[in-house]
Amino acid sequence: MNKRLIAGVAAVAACGYLLWQYLTPVEIVAVHDGNTILVRHFPYLKSRQIAWWEAHKDIIQAKYGIPRKDSNGGYSVVIMDFGGGYRIDGGTDQDSNLLCFDETPVDARCVEKKPLLWIDWSQNTGLFYR
């Protein structure tokens, strides 16, 4: 009986967590460099990430001006996990995994490099996701 109870509680907890992940909306925290979007609560599955981008790309274009096309007409967008927030780059080896945004005037202007989805388009390759 105890094993079944523990298994049932674990199953309910797992289902609750998956439901919470599914229903939590994606939060765009910041946009930098015209091609980097920092987000929280991004979908885990690549298919859901692509579906989110397809459903929201027009809104993102209107609000943030992303994607910005280059001189050849192509574009690249990186969606990154905001994670623990902005950090200060101390210039040490431990900070080598930080991406810093120079347009931010404060010291804490770096985030850990955790790309979740890359969207690229060019005339030669067309649209692809990584």
Protein backbone atom coordinates (compact mmCIF):
# COMPACT_ATOMS: atom_id res chain seq x y z
CA MET A 1 0.00 0.00 0.00
CA ASN A 2 2.78 2.46 0.87
CA LYS A 3 4.50 1.87 -2.47
CA ARG A 4 1.29 2.57 -4.37
CA LEU A 5 0.65 5.70 -2.33
CA ILE A 6 4.17 6.99 -2.94
CA ALA A 7 3.90 6.18 -6.66
CA GLY A 8 0.52 7.93 -6.84
CA VAL A 9 1.81 11.04 -5.09
CA ALA A 10 4.87 11.10 -7.37
CA ALA A 11 2.66 10.75 -10.46
CA VAL A 12 0.35 13.55 -9.33
CA ALA A 13 3.33 15.79 -8.55
CA ALA A 14 4.89 15.09 -11.97
CA CYS A 15 1.59 15.80 -13.75
CA GLY A 16 1.15 18.99 -11.75
CA TYR A 17 4.66 20.16 -12.66
CA LEU A 18 4.13 19.41 -16.36
CA LEU A 19 0.79 21.22 -16.31
CA TRP A 20 2.41 24.23 -14.61
CA GLN A 21 5.19 24.25 -17.25
CA TYR A 22 2.60 24.08 -20.01
CA LEU A 23 0.37 26.85 -18.66
CA THR A 24 3.03 29.35 -17.51
CA PRO A 25 3.30 32.07 -20.18
CA VAL A 26 6.66 33.03 -21.67
CA GLU A 27 7.94 36.31 -20.24
CA ILE A 28 10.15 38.51 -22.42
CA VAL A 29 12.49 40.16 -19.90
CA ALA A 30 14.66 42.24 -22.22
CA VAL A 31 15.78 42.72 -25.80
CA HIS A 32 19.38 43.58 -26.65
CA ASP A 33 21.54 44.25 -29.72
CA GLY A 34 18.57 44.05 -32.06
CA ASN A 35 18.73 40.25 -32.18
CA THR A 36 18.86 38.86 -28.63
CA ILE A 37 15.71 38.18 -26.63
CA LEU A 38 16.00 37.26 -22.94
CA VAL A 39 13.08 35.18 -21.67
CA ARG A 40 11.75 33.30 -18.67
CA HIS A 41 9.54 30.19 -18.78
CA PHE A 42 10.41 29.24 -22.35
CA PRO A 43 8.98 25.89 -23.53
CA TYR A 44 11.26 22.90 -23.12
CA LEU A 45 10.45 21.06 -26.33
CA LYS A 46 11.90 22.41 -29.58
CA SER A 47 8.57 21.99 -31.38
CA ARG A 48 6.81 24.12 -28.74
CA GLN A 49 9.60 26.71 -28.91
CA ILE A 50 9.18 27.02 -32.67
CA ALA A 51 5.38 27.18 -32.29
CA TRP A 52 5.78 29.97 -29.71
CA TRP A 53 8.06 31.92 -32.07
CA GLU A 54 5.67 31.49 -35.01
CA ALA A 55 2.72 32.64 -32.87
CA HIS A 56 4.53 35.70 -31.46
CA LYS A 57 6.99 36.86 -34.14
CA ASP A 58 4.65 39.56 -35.49
CA ILE A 59 4.05 40.93 -31.99
CA ILE A 60 7.79 40.91 -31.28
CA GLN A 61 8.47 42.64 -34.60
CA ALA A 62 5.94 45.36 -33.84
CA LYS A 63 7.00 45.94 -30.24
CA TYR A 64 10.79 45.44 -30.36
CA GLY A 65 11.73 45.68 -34.04
CA ILE A 66 13.11 42.15 -34.10
CA PRO A 67 14.11 40.57 -36.38
CA ARG A 68 16.23 43.23 -38.02
CA LYS A 69 17.35 42.37 -41.50
CA ASP A 70 20.98 42.80 -42.50
CA SER A 71 22.24 44.28 -45.78
CA ASN A 72 21.61 40.97 -47.60
CA GLY A 73 18.04 40.73 -46.33
CA GLY A 74 18.76 37.91 -43.87
CA TYR A 75 18.32 37.92 -40.12
CA SER A 76 19.33 36.01 -37.03
CA VAL A 77 17.53 35.99 -33.67
CA VAL A 78 18.77 34.36 -30.49
CA ILE A 79 16.35 33.59 -27.67
CA MET A 80 18.27 33.12 -24.42
CA ASP A 81 17.32 32.07 -20.90
CA PHE A 82 17.43 35.00 -18.48
CA GLY A 83 18.23 32.56 -15.69
CA GLY A 84 19.64 34.21 -12.59
CA GLY A 85 19.41 37.70 -14.06
CA TYR A 86 22.09 40.23 -14.84
CA ARG A 87 25.56 39.74 -13.41
CA ILE A 88 28.77 41.77 -13.20
CA ASP A 89 31.66 40.61 -15.38
CA GLY A 90 34.64 40.28 -13.06
CA GLY A 91 37.06 39.56 -15.91
CA THR A 92 37.95 36.11 -14.54
CA ASP A 93 37.82 32.68 -16.17
CA GLN A 94 34.64 31.97 -14.23
CA ASP A 95 32.97 34.79 -16.15
CA SER A 96 33.98 33.48 -19.59
CA ASN A 97 30.49 32.11 -20.12
CA LEU A 98 28.88 35.54 -19.86
CA LEU A 99 27.37 37.57 -22.67
CA CYS A 100 27.60 41.29 -21.92
CA PHE A 101 25.50 44.07 -23.46
CA ASP A 102 27.46 47.30 -23.87
CA GLU A 103 24.37 49.49 -24.34
CA THR A 104 23.40 48.93 -20.70
CA PRO A 105 24.96 51.69 -18.54
CA VAL A 106 25.08 49.73 -15.25
CA ASP A 107 27.79 47.32 -14.09
CA ALA A 108 25.47 44.32 -13.95
CA ARG A 109 24.93 44.03 -17.71
CA CYS A 110 25.89 40.42 -18.43
CA VAL A 111 23.88 37.20 -18.56
CA GLU A 112 24.98 33.61 -18.64
CA LYS A 113 25.09 32.23 -22.19
CA LYS A 114 22.16 29.83 -22.34
CA PRO A 115 20.75 29.94 -25.86
CA LEU A 116 17.37 28.26 -26.09
CA LEU A 117 16.50 28.86 -29.75
CA TRP A 118 18.29 30.39 -32.74
CA ILE A 119 16.23 31.54 -35.69
CA ASP A 120 18.12 32.25 -38.91
CA TRP A 121 16.95 33.26 -42.35
CA SER A 122 18.95 34.01 -45.48
CA GLN A 123 18.27 33.92 -49.19
CA ASN A 124 20.63 30.95 -49.64
CA THR A 125 19.44 28.73 -46.80
CA GLY A 126 15.93 29.92 -46.10
CA LEU A 127 14.48 29.71 -42.60
CA PHE A 128 15.97 27.31 -40.08
CA TYR A 129 15.97 26.81 -36.35
CA ARG A 130 18.78 25.58 -34.10
